[in-house]
Amino acid sequence: MSPLEKILNEHKIAFEIINHEKALKTAKEGAEYLGIEIGQTAPTLVLKSEKSYYAIIISGDYGRIDLEEIKAILQCEDLKLASPQEVEHMTGFKIGSVPLIGHELPTIIDRQLNRYAFIYGGTGSSNSTLKIGPGDVEKLNQIVAFVR
């Protein structure tokens, strides 16, 4: 049992891990492969400020992240996407595989994910996807802010 499955089972969360032959590199690719709306895809990105690192879980249809808006919410001076090396150092996972839960970073969530009963995101492995309710993702992360 993976650390992710252990967390989900301990909290009695309904989930499904969907295994696939190849890595799904974009929200569009994931949506097509899984047969879901692009908005249901939920990549976990890592942001870096002068104070800290943050995870941001956004809907696949979010578009470009408004870093100015998030800087104001977090009350920080500087904010950017973390480099691939920083992401791996801070989470233990490669870009594109950061799990929806278990990364232990303060988290910002896109409220638009709540449009769906289930969202689909990272598991820590590039060859699997986690299907989970957005409320459970919120419950199992340390939420510090919301966008949209």
N, C-alpha and C. Protein backbone atom coordinates (compact mmCIF):
# COMPACT_ATOMS: atom_id res chain seq x y z
N MET A 1 0.85 -1.19 0.00
CA MET A 1 0.00 0.00 0.00
C MET A 1 0.89 1.25 0.00
N SER A 2 0.59 2.17 -0.88
CA SER A 2 1.39 3.40 -0.99
C SER A 2 1.09 4.33 0.20
N PRO A 3 2.00 5.27 0.49
CA PRO A 3 1.72 6.25 1.56
C PRO A 3 0.41 7.02 1.30
N LEU A 4 0.14 7.32 0.03
CA LEU A 4 -1.09 8.02 -0.34
C LEU A 4 -2.31 7.18 0.05
N GLU A 5 -2.31 5.90 -0.33
CA GLU A 5 -3.44 5.03 -0.01
C GLU A 5 -3.60 4.87 1.50
N LYS A 6 -2.49 4.84 2.21
CA LYS A 6 -2.52 4.72 3.67
C LYS A 6 -3.25 5.92 4.28
N ILE A 7 -2.90 7.14 3.84
CA ILE A 7 -3.56 8.36 4.33
C ILE A 7 -5.06 8.31 4.03
N LEU A 8 -5.40 7.96 2.79
CA LEU A 8 -6.81 7.92 2.38
C LEU A 8 -7.59 6.89 3.17
N ASN A 9 -7.02 5.72 3.36
CA ASN A 9 -7.70 4.67 4.12
C ASN A 9 -7.84 5.04 5.60
N GLU A 10 -6.80 5.65 6.18
CA GLU A 10 -6.86 6.06 7.59
C GLU A 10 -8.00 7.05 7.84
N HIS A 11 -8.24 7.92 6.84
CA HIS A 11 -9.29 8.94 6.97
C HIS A 11 -10.64 8.48 6.40
N LYS A 12 -10.69 7.21 5.99
CA LYS A 12 -11.92 6.62 5.45
C LYS A 12 -12.48 7.44 4.27
N ILE A 13 -11.59 7.77 3.35
CA ILE A 13 -11.95 8.56 2.17
C ILE A 13 -12.28 7.64 1.01
N ALA A 14 -13.36 7.93 0.29
CA ALA A 14 -13.68 7.19 -0.93
C ALA A 14 -12.77 7.72 -2.05
N PHE A 15 -12.07 6.81 -2.71
CA PHE A 15 -11.15 7.21 -3.77
C PHE A 15 -10.95 6.06 -4.73
N GLU A 16 -10.36 6.38 -5.86
CA GLU A 16 -9.96 5.35 -6.82
C GLU A 16 -8.61 5.77 -7.40
N ILE A 17 -7.71 4.81 -7.52
CA ILE A 17 -6.44 5.07 -8.20
C ILE A 17 -6.54 4.42 -9.57
N ILE A 18 -6.40 5.23 -10.60
CA ILE A 18 -6.53 4.77 -11.97
C ILE A 18 -5.12 4.66 -12.55
N ASN A 19 -4.72 3.44 -12.89
CA ASN A 19 -3.41 3.22 -13.48
C ASN A 19 -3.49 3.37 -15.00
N HIS A 20 -2.44 3.91 -15.59
CA HIS A 20 -2.39 4.05 -17.05
C HIS A 20 -0.98 3.74 -17.54
N GLU A 21 -0.92 3.31 -18.79
CA GLU A 21 0.35 2.88 -19.39
C GLU A 21 1.36 4.02 -19.50
N LYS A 22 0.87 5.21 -19.87
CA LYS A 22 1.80 6.32 -20.11
C LYS A 22 1.47 7.48 -19.17
N ALA A 23 2.46 8.33 -18.97
CA ALA A 23 2.26 9.53 -18.16
C ALA A 23 1.32 10.48 -18.89
N LEU A 24 0.42 11.12 -18.15
CA LEU A 24 -0.48 12.13 -18.71
C LEU A 24 0.14 13.48 -18.38
N LYS A 25 0.66 14.16 -19.40
CA LYS A 25 1.48 15.35 -19.16
C LYS A 25 0.71 16.67 -19.09
N THR A 26 -0.49 16.72 -19.65
CA THR A 26 -1.26 17.97 -19.63
C THR A 26 -2.69 17.69 -19.17
N ALA A 27 -3.37 18.75 -18.77
CA ALA A 27 -4.78 18.62 -18.36
C ALA A 27 -5.61 18.10 -19.53
N LYS A 28 -5.34 18.60 -20.73
CA LYS A 28 -6.08 18.17 -21.92
C LYS A 28 -5.87 16.68 -22.18
N GLU A 29 -4.63 16.24 -22.09
CA GLU A 29 -4.30 14.83 -22.30
C GLU A 29 -5.00 13.96 -21.24
N GLY A 30 -4.97 14.41 -19.98
CA GLY A 30 -5.62 13.68 -18.90
C GLY A 30 -7.12 13.59 -19.09
N ALA A 31 -7.73 14.71 -19.46
CA ALA A 31 -9.18 14.74 -19.66
C ALA A 31 -9.60 13.80 -20.78
N GLU A 32 -8.85 13.84 -21.89
CA GLU A 32 -9.17 12.96 -23.02
C GLU A 32 -9.00 11.49 -22.62
N TYR A 33 -7.91 11.17 -21.98
CA TYR A 33 -7.64 9.78 -21.60
C TYR A 33 -8.68 9.25 -20.62
N LEU A 34 -9.04 10.08 -19.63
CA LEU A 34 -9.97 9.65 -18.57
C LEU A 34 -11.44 9.83 -18.95
N GLY A 35 -11.70 10.53 -20.06
CA GLY A 35 -13.07 10.77 -20.50
C GLY A 35 -13.83 11.70 -19.57
N ILE A 36 -13.15 12.76 -19.10
CA ILE A 36 -13.75 13.72 -18.17
C ILE A 36 -13.63 15.12 -18.73
N GLU A 37 -14.30 16.08 -18.09
CA GLU A 37 -14.16 17.48 -18.47
C GLU A 37 -12.78 17.98 -18.03
N ILE A 38 -12.20 18.87 -18.81
CA ILE A 38 -10.87 19.39 -18.48
C ILE A 38 -10.86 20.06 -17.10
N GLY A 39 -11.99 20.65 -16.69
CA GLY A 39 -12.08 21.30 -15.39
C GLY A 39 -11.95 20.33 -14.22
N GLN A 40 -12.19 19.04 -14.46
CA GLN A 40 -12.07 18.03 -13.40
C GLN A 40 -10.62 17.63 -13.13
N THR A 41 -9.73 17.94 -14.08
CA THR A 41 -8.32 17.64 -13.83
C THR A 41 -7.83 18.65 -12.80
N ALA A 42 -6.98 18.19 -11.89
CA ALA A 42 -6.56 19.05 -10.77
C ALA A 42 -5.06 18.91 -10.53
N PRO A 43 -4.26 19.58 -11.36
CA PRO A 43 -2.82 19.51 -11.13
C PRO A 43 -2.43 20.21 -9.83
N THR A 44 -1.41 19.66 -9.18
CA THR A 44 -0.84 20.28 -7.98
C THR A 44 0.48 20.92 -8.40
N LEU A 45 0.52 22.23 -8.37
CA LEU A 45 1.73 22.97 -8.71
C LEU A 45 2.37 23.48 -7.43
N VAL A 46 3.64 23.85 -7.52
CA VAL A 46 4.33 24.37 -6.35
C VAL A 46 4.79 25.79 -6.63
N LEU A 47 4.43 26.69 -5.71
CA LEU A 47 4.82 28.09 -5.79
C LEU A 47 5.88 28.38 -4.74
N LYS A 48 6.73 29.35 -5.03
CA LYS A 48 7.78 29.74 -4.09
C LYS A 48 7.68 31.23 -3.83
N SER A 49 7.62 31.61 -2.56
CA SER A 49 7.66 33.02 -2.18
C SER A 49 8.96 33.25 -1.42
N GLU A 50 9.16 34.49 -0.98
CA GLU A 50 10.36 34.78 -0.18
C GLU A 50 10.27 34.12 1.19
N LYS A 51 9.05 33.73 1.60
CA LYS A 51 8.84 33.16 2.93
C LYS A 51 8.76 31.63 2.94
N SER A 52 8.17 31.07 1.90
CA SER A 52 7.78 29.67 1.97
C SER A 52 7.50 29.09 0.60
N TYR A 53 7.21 27.80 0.60
CA TYR A 53 6.71 27.11 -0.59
C TYR A 53 5.24 26.79 -0.33
N TYR A 54 4.45 26.78 -1.39
CA TYR A 54 3.02 26.49 -1.30
C TYR A 54 2.64 25.54 -2.42
N ALA A 55 1.67 24.67 -2.15
CA ALA A 55 1.04 23.89 -3.22
C ALA A 55 -0.18 24.68 -3.66
N ILE A 56 -0.46 24.67 -4.95
CA ILE A 56 -1.71 25.23 -5.45
C ILE A 56 -2.37 24.15 -6.30
N ILE A 57 -3.60 23.83 -5.94
CA ILE A 57 -4.36 22.82 -6.66
C ILE A 57 -5.44 23.56 -7.44
N ILE A 58 -5.31 23.50 -8.76
CA ILE A 58 -6.19 24.29 -9.62
C ILE A 58 -6.99 23.40 -10.56
N SER A 59 -8.11 23.91 -11.01
CA SER A 59 -8.89 23.23 -12.03
C SER A 59 -8.14 23.32 -13.35
N GLY A 60 -8.20 22.25 -14.14
CA GLY A 60 -7.50 22.21 -15.42
C GLY A 60 -7.94 23.29 -16.39
N ASP A 61 -9.09 23.93 -16.14
CA ASP A 61 -9.54 25.01 -17.03
C ASP A 61 -9.25 26.40 -16.44
N TYR A 62 -8.40 26.46 -15.43
CA TYR A 62 -8.09 27.72 -14.75
C TYR A 62 -7.43 28.73 -15.68
N GLY A 63 -6.61 28.25 -16.60
CA GLY A 63 -5.85 29.17 -17.44
C GLY A 63 -4.58 29.57 -16.74
N ARG A 64 -4.15 30.76 -16.98
CA ARG A 64 -2.90 31.24 -16.39
C ARG A 64 -3.12 31.64 -14.93
N ILE A 65 -2.22 31.19 -14.05
CA ILE A 65 -2.33 31.52 -12.63
C ILE A 65 -2.05 33.00 -12.43
N ASP A 66 -2.93 33.69 -11.71
CA ASP A 66 -2.77 35.11 -11.43
C ASP A 66 -1.88 35.27 -10.19
N LEU A 67 -0.58 35.33 -10.42
CA LEU A 67 0.37 35.41 -9.30
C LEU A 67 0.18 36.69 -8.49
N GLU A 68 -0.23 37.78 -9.13
CA GLU A 68 -0.46 39.03 -8.39
C GLU A 68 -1.59 38.87 -7.37
N GLU A 69 -2.68 38.21 -7.80
CA GLU A 69 -3.81 37.96 -6.90
C GLU A 69 -3.36 37.10 -5.71
N ILE A 70 -2.59 36.06 -5.99
CA ILE A 70 -2.15 35.14 -4.93
C ILE A 70 -1.15 35.83 -4.01
N LYS A 71 -0.28 36.68 -4.56
CA LYS A 71 0.65 37.44 -3.72
C LYS A 71 -0.12 38.29 -2.72
N ALA A 72 -1.19 38.93 -3.17
CA ALA A 72 -2.01 39.77 -2.28
C ALA A 72 -2.67 38.91 -1.20
N ILE A 73 -3.19 37.74 -1.58
CA ILE A 73 -3.85 36.86 -0.62
C ILE A 73 -2.85 36.38 0.44
N LEU A 74 -1.68 35.98 -0.01
CA LEU A 74 -0.66 35.43 0.90
C LEU A 74 0.17 36.50 1.59
N GLN A 75 -0.02 37.74 1.17
CA GLN A 75 0.74 38.88 1.70
C GLN A 75 2.24 38.63 1.59
N CYS A 76 2.66 38.34 0.36
CA CYS A 76 4.09 38.16 0.12
C CYS A 76 4.53 39.10 -0.99
N GLU A 77 5.82 39.33 -1.06
CA GLU A 77 6.39 40.29 -2.02
C GLU A 77 6.68 39.66 -3.36
N ASP A 78 7.14 38.41 -3.32
CA ASP A 78 7.62 37.75 -4.52
C ASP A 78 6.99 36.37 -4.59
N LEU A 79 6.52 35.98 -5.76
CA LEU A 79 5.90 34.67 -5.91
C LEU A 79 6.13 34.19 -7.33
N LYS A 80 6.57 32.94 -7.45
CA LYS A 80 6.79 32.36 -8.78
C LYS A 80 6.62 30.85 -8.68
N LEU A 81 6.54 30.21 -9.85
CA LEU A 81 6.51 28.76 -9.87
C LEU A 81 7.87 28.25 -9.42
N ALA A 82 7.88 27.23 -8.60
CA ALA A 82 9.13 26.62 -8.16
C ALA A 82 9.76 25.88 -9.34
N SER A 83 11.08 25.79 -9.33
CA SER A 83 11.79 25.06 -10.38
C SER A 83 11.56 23.57 -10.21
N PRO A 84 11.80 22.77 -11.26
CA PRO A 84 11.65 21.32 -11.11
C PRO A 84 12.48 20.76 -9.95
N GLN A 85 13.68 21.28 -9.75
CA GLN A 85 14.54 20.81 -8.67
C GLN A 85 13.94 21.20 -7.30
N GLU A 86 13.41 22.41 -7.19
CA GLU A 86 12.79 22.85 -5.94
C GLU A 86 11.55 22.01 -5.61
N VAL A 87 10.75 21.73 -6.64
CA VAL A 87 9.54 20.91 -6.44
C VAL A 87 9.94 19.55 -5.87
N GLU A 88 10.93 18.92 -6.50
CA GLU A 88 11.34 17.59 -6.05
C GLU A 88 11.95 17.65 -4.64
N HIS A 89 12.73 18.69 -4.38
CA HIS A 89 13.35 18.84 -3.06
C HIS A 89 12.29 19.04 -1.97
N MET A 90 11.28 19.87 -2.25
CA MET A 90 10.27 20.22 -1.24
C MET A 90 9.20 19.13 -1.05
N THR A 91 8.90 18.38 -2.11
CA THR A 91 7.80 17.41 -2.02
C THR A 91 8.27 15.96 -2.10
N GLY A 92 9.43 15.74 -2.69
CA GLY A 92 9.89 14.37 -2.94
C GLY A 92 9.32 13.80 -4.23
N PHE A 93 8.61 14.64 -5.01
CA PHE A 93 7.99 14.18 -6.25
C PHE A 93 8.41 15.06 -7.42
N LYS A 94 8.41 14.46 -8.61
CA LYS A 94 8.73 15.20 -9.82
C LYS A 94 7.52 16.02 -10.26
N ILE A 95 7.81 17.11 -10.98
CA ILE A 95 6.74 17.94 -11.57
C ILE A 95 5.82 17.03 -12.38
N GLY A 96 4.52 17.24 -12.26
CA GLY A 96 3.55 16.43 -12.98
C GLY A 96 3.08 15.22 -12.19
N SER A 97 3.78 14.91 -11.09
CA SER A 97 3.39 13.75 -10.27
C SER A 97 3.08 14.12 -8.82
N VAL A 98 3.17 15.41 -8.48
CA VAL A 98 2.92 15.82 -7.09
C VAL A 98 1.49 15.42 -6.73
N PRO A 99 1.33 14.66 -5.64
CA PRO A 99 0.00 14.18 -5.28
C PRO A 99 -0.92 15.29 -4.75
N LEU A 100 -2.21 15.04 -4.87
CA LEU A 100 -3.21 15.99 -4.35
C LEU A 100 -3.13 16.11 -2.83
N ILE A 101 -2.72 15.05 -2.17
CA ILE A 101 -2.57 15.06 -0.71
C ILE A 101 -1.25 14.39 -0.34
N GLY A 102 -0.75 14.68 0.84
CA GLY A 102 0.46 14.03 1.32
C GLY A 102 1.74 14.76 0.98
N HIS A 103 1.65 15.94 0.34
CA HIS A 103 2.85 16.71 0.00
C HIS A 103 3.31 17.59 1.16
N GLU A 104 2.42 17.79 2.13
CA GLU A 104 2.71 18.52 3.37
C GLU A 104 3.05 20.00 3.21
N LEU A 105 2.65 20.60 2.10
CA LEU A 105 2.86 22.04 1.90
C LEU A 105 1.57 22.79 2.23
N PRO A 106 1.69 24.03 2.75
CA PRO A 106 0.48 24.86 2.88
C PRO A 106 -0.15 24.96 1.49
N THR A 107 -1.47 24.88 1.42
CA THR A 107 -2.13 24.69 0.13
C THR A 107 -3.17 25.76 -0.18
N ILE A 108 -3.16 26.15 -1.46
CA ILE A 108 -4.14 27.07 -2.02
C ILE A 108 -5.02 26.23 -2.94
N ILE A 109 -6.34 26.39 -2.83
CA ILE A 109 -7.25 25.58 -3.65
C ILE A 109 -8.14 26.48 -4.50
N ASP A 110 -8.35 26.03 -5.73
CA ASP A 110 -9.26 26.68 -6.66
C ASP A 110 -10.69 26.24 -6.31
N ARG A 111 -11.53 27.19 -5.91
CA ARG A 111 -12.92 26.89 -5.53
C ARG A 111 -13.72 26.25 -6.66
N GLN A 112 -13.30 26.50 -7.90
CA GLN A 112 -14.05 25.96 -9.05
C GLN A 112 -14.01 24.43 -9.11
N LEU A 113 -13.09 23.81 -8.38
CA LEU A 113 -13.07 22.34 -8.34
C LEU A 113 -14.34 21.79 -7.69
N ASN A 114 -14.99 22.60 -6.87
CA ASN A 114 -16.20 22.16 -6.18
C ASN A 114 -17.41 22.01 -7.12
N ARG A 115 -17.24 22.37 -8.39
CA ARG A 115 -18.31 22.16 -9.38
C ARG A 115 -18.54 20.67 -9.63
N TYR A 116 -17.57 19.86 -9.27
CA TYR A 116 -17.58 18.45 -9.63
C TYR A 116 -17.68 17.54 -8.41
N ALA A 117 -18.31 16.39 -8.60
CA ALA A 117 -18.37 15.39 -7.54
C ALA A 117 -16.99 14.77 -7.33
N PHE A 118 -16.24 14.60 -8.43
CA PHE A 118 -14.90 14.03 -8.36
C PHE A 118 -13.93 14.84 -9.18
N ILE A 119 -12.71 14.92 -8.68
CA ILE A 119 -11.62 15.55 -9.43
C ILE A 119 -10.51 14.51 -9.57
N TYR A 120 -9.59 14.78 -10.49
CA TYR A 120 -8.55 13.81 -10.83
C TYR A 120 -7.20 14.50 -10.78
N GLY A 121 -6.28 13.93 -10.01
CA GLY A 121 -4.97 14.56 -9.89
C GLY A 121 -3.88 13.56 -9.56
N GLY A 122 -2.75 14.12 -9.16
CA GLY A 122 -1.54 13.32 -8.95
C GLY A 122 -1.61 12.36 -7.77
N THR A 123 -0.80 11.30 -7.92
CA THR A 123 -0.68 10.27 -6.88
C THR A 123 0.76 10.16 -6.37
N GLY A 124 1.68 10.85 -7.03
CA GLY A 124 3.10 10.67 -6.72
C GLY A 124 3.79 9.85 -7.79
N SER A 125 3.00 9.20 -8.64
CA SER A 125 3.52 8.39 -9.75
C SER A 125 2.99 8.97 -11.06
N SER A 126 3.83 9.00 -12.08
CA SER A 126 3.38 9.55 -13.37
C SER A 126 2.43 8.60 -14.10
N ASN A 127 2.32 7.35 -13.66
CA ASN A 127 1.48 6.39 -14.36
C ASN A 127 0.20 6.04 -13.61
N SER A 128 -0.24 6.95 -12.73
CA SER A 128 -1.53 6.75 -12.08
C SER A 128 -2.15 8.09 -11.73
N THR A 129 -3.47 8.07 -11.58
CA THR A 129 -4.25 9.27 -11.28
C THR A 129 -5.18 8.96 -10.12
N LEU A 130 -5.33 9.94 -9.23
CA LEU A 130 -6.23 9.81 -8.08
C LEU A 130 -7.57 10.45 -8.42
N LYS A 131 -8.65 9.68 -8.25
CA LYS A 131 -10.03 10.17 -8.37
C LYS A 131 -10.55 10.33 -6.95
N ILE A 132 -10.97 11.55 -6.59
CA ILE A 132 -11.36 11.85 -5.22
C ILE A 132 -12.32 13.05 -5.21
N GLY A 133 -13.12 13.16 -4.19
CA GLY A 133 -14.01 14.32 -4.04
C GLY A 133 -13.21 15.56 -3.67
N PRO A 134 -13.56 16.73 -4.21
CA PRO A 134 -12.81 17.95 -3.89
C PRO A 134 -12.86 18.31 -2.41
N GLY A 135 -13.96 18.01 -1.73
CA GLY A 135 -14.05 18.29 -0.30
C GLY A 135 -13.04 17.49 0.51
N ASP A 136 -12.76 16.27 0.05
CA ASP A 136 -11.77 15.43 0.74
C ASP A 136 -10.36 15.97 0.54
N VAL A 137 -10.09 16.51 -0.64
CA VAL A 137 -8.78 17.12 -0.89
C VAL A 137 -8.60 18.31 0.05
N GLU A 138 -9.66 19.07 0.21
CA GLU A 138 -9.63 20.22 1.12
C GLU A 138 -9.40 19.76 2.56
N LYS A 139 -10.10 18.72 2.96
CA LYS A 139 -10.03 18.19 4.32
C LYS A 139 -8.63 17.67 4.67
N LEU A 140 -7.93 17.10 3.69
CA LEU A 140 -6.66 16.43 3.95
C LEU A 140 -5.43 17.30 3.68
N ASN A 141 -5.64 18.57 3.36
CA ASN A 141 -4.53 19.49 3.16
C ASN A 141 -4.60 20.63 4.17
N GLN A 142 -3.49 21.30 4.36
CA GLN A 142 -3.45 22.48 5.22
C GLN A 142 -3.77 23.68 4.33
N ILE A 143 -5.04 24.05 4.27
CA ILE A 143 -5.49 25.11 3.37
C ILE A 143 -5.17 26.48 3.96
N VAL A 144 -4.48 27.31 3.17
CA VAL A 144 -4.14 28.66 3.62
C VAL A 144 -4.86 29.73 2.80
N ALA A 145 -5.42 29.34 1.63
CA ALA A 145 -6.09 30.33 0.80
C ALA A 145 -6.92 29.64 -0.28
N PHE A 146 -7.84 30.42 -0.85
CA PHE A 146 -8.65 29.96 -1.97
C PHE A 146 -8.52 30.97 -3.10
N VAL A 147 -8.63 30.49 -4.34
CA VAL A 147 -8.69 31.38 -5.49
C VAL A 147 -10.01 31.14 -6.20
N ARG A 148 -10.44 32.11 -6.98
CA ARG A 148 -11.69 32.12 -7.75
C ARG A 148 -12.87 31.96 -6.83
